[in-house]
Amino acid sequence: MPECGGRENRRRSGLEEAWDYLGLFCLGAFVGTIATFGMNKVVSLKDWQTVLSLTLPAVLSGAAMVFIDRFKYSPAFGCYPLGLVAALMWAYTQ
């Protein structure tokens, strides 16, 4: 019998769980890259306000928040901040 979201309550395979980890890591890397490149453009207070008003909607877009909300209680959620940090390190090594 399907649950309220239309998803069946079944045991997931190891490969399906691995995709959760990879997906959240990639989402964190994407969001972190957008945020990091936006913050690199800041040189004054006026630029800070402009960059913040442009990067916050991109970082907190609806699609990313819905995706994150789905995995809120999953152990795979720990990969999201790892992706953010990986993007930050990648951006500053170039």
Protein backbone atom coordinates (compact mmCIF):
# COMPACT_ATOMS: atom_id res chain seq x y z
CA MET A 1 0.00 0.00 0.00
CA PRO A 2 1.56 3.36 -1.01
CA GLU A 3 2.13 6.05 1.61
CA CYS A 4 0.77 9.59 1.35
CA GLY A 5 3.52 10.74 -1.03
CA GLY A 6 2.90 7.89 -3.42
CA ARG A 7 6.13 6.20 -2.33
CA GLU A 8 5.99 2.61 -1.27
CA ASN A 9 7.32 1.61 2.11
CA ARG A 10 10.00 -0.87 1.07
CA ARG A 11 13.57 -1.67 1.94
CA ARG A 12 16.02 0.15 -0.31
CA SER A 13 19.05 -1.49 -1.86
CA GLY A 14 22.62 -0.41 -1.15
CA LEU A 15 22.94 1.08 -4.62
CA GLU A 16 19.86 3.26 -4.08
CA GLU A 17 21.31 4.53 -0.81
CA ALA A 18 24.65 5.24 -2.52
CA TRP A 19 22.81 7.46 -5.01
CA ASP A 20 21.41 9.44 -2.07
CA TYR A 21 24.92 10.12 -0.77
CA LEU A 22 26.23 11.05 -4.22
CA GLY A 23 23.23 13.26 -4.99
CA LEU A 24 23.48 15.24 -1.78
CA PHE A 25 27.24 15.65 -2.19
CA CYS A 26 26.78 16.96 -5.74
CA LEU A 27 24.00 19.31 -4.63
CA GLY A 28 26.25 20.68 -1.89
CA ALA A 29 29.10 21.12 -4.37
CA PHE A 30 26.85 22.95 -6.84
CA VAL A 31 25.36 25.28 -4.23
CA GLY A 32 28.78 25.84 -2.65
CA THR A 33 30.31 26.76 -6.02
CA ILE A 34 27.59 29.33 -6.69
CA ALA A 35 28.01 30.85 -3.23
CA THR A 36 31.81 30.85 -3.32
CA PHE A 37 32.10 32.45 -6.74
CA GLY A 38 29.55 35.04 -5.69
CA MET A 39 31.47 35.89 -2.53
CA ASN A 40 34.71 36.24 -4.50
CA LYS A 41 33.21 39.29 -6.24
CA VAL A 42 32.80 41.26 -3.01
CA VAL A 43 35.20 44.19 -2.57
CA SER A 44 33.01 46.83 -0.90
CA LEU A 45 29.81 47.12 1.12
CA LYS A 46 27.79 48.05 -1.97
CA ASP A 47 29.12 44.96 -3.77
CA TRP A 48 28.31 42.84 -0.71
CA GLN A 49 24.65 43.86 -0.84
CA THR A 50 24.44 43.23 -4.59
CA VAL A 51 26.17 39.86 -4.44
CA LEU A 52 24.12 38.78 -1.45
CA SER A 53 20.87 39.70 -3.19
CA LEU A 54 21.92 37.67 -6.24
CA THR A 55 23.46 34.60 -4.61
CA LEU A 56 20.95 33.97 -1.81
CA PRO A 57 18.06 33.21 -4.18
CA ALA A 58 20.33 30.88 -6.14
CA VAL A 59 21.61 29.11 -3.04
CA LEU A 60 18.21 28.87 -1.38
CA SER A 61 16.25 28.03 -4.50
CA GLY A 62 13.10 26.03 -4.13
CA ALA A 63 14.41 22.94 -5.91
CA ALA A 64 17.42 22.62 -3.62
CA MET A 65 15.35 23.10 -0.48
CA VAL A 66 12.76 20.50 -1.56
CA PHE A 67 15.56 18.05 -2.33
CA ILE A 68 17.21 18.67 1.04
CA ASP A 69 13.88 18.40 2.88
CA ARG A 70 13.40 14.91 1.45
CA PHE A 71 16.62 13.72 3.11
CA LYS A 72 16.29 15.67 6.36
CA TYR A 73 16.42 12.55 8.57
CA SER A 74 18.67 10.44 6.35
CA PRO A 75 22.28 9.66 7.28
CA ALA A 76 23.14 10.71 3.71
CA PHE A 77 22.37 14.33 4.64
CA GLY A 78 25.90 14.62 6.02
CA CYS A 79 27.20 14.62 2.45
CA TYR A 80 25.57 18.00 1.73
CA PRO A 81 27.95 20.02 3.97
CA LEU A 82 30.86 17.95 2.65
CA GLY A 83 29.93 19.09 -0.86
CA LEU A 84 29.81 22.70 0.34
CA VAL A 85 33.30 22.41 1.82
CA ALA A 86 34.65 20.61 -1.27
CA ALA A 87 33.36 23.43 -3.48
CA LEU A 88 34.93 26.03 -1.21
CA MET A 89 38.30 24.27 -1.30
CA TRP A 90 38.10 23.76 -5.07
CA ALA A 91 37.31 27.43 -5.70
CA TYR A 92 40.22 28.65 -3.59
CA THR A 93 42.79 26.30 -5.12
CA GLN A 94 42.42 27.83 -8.57
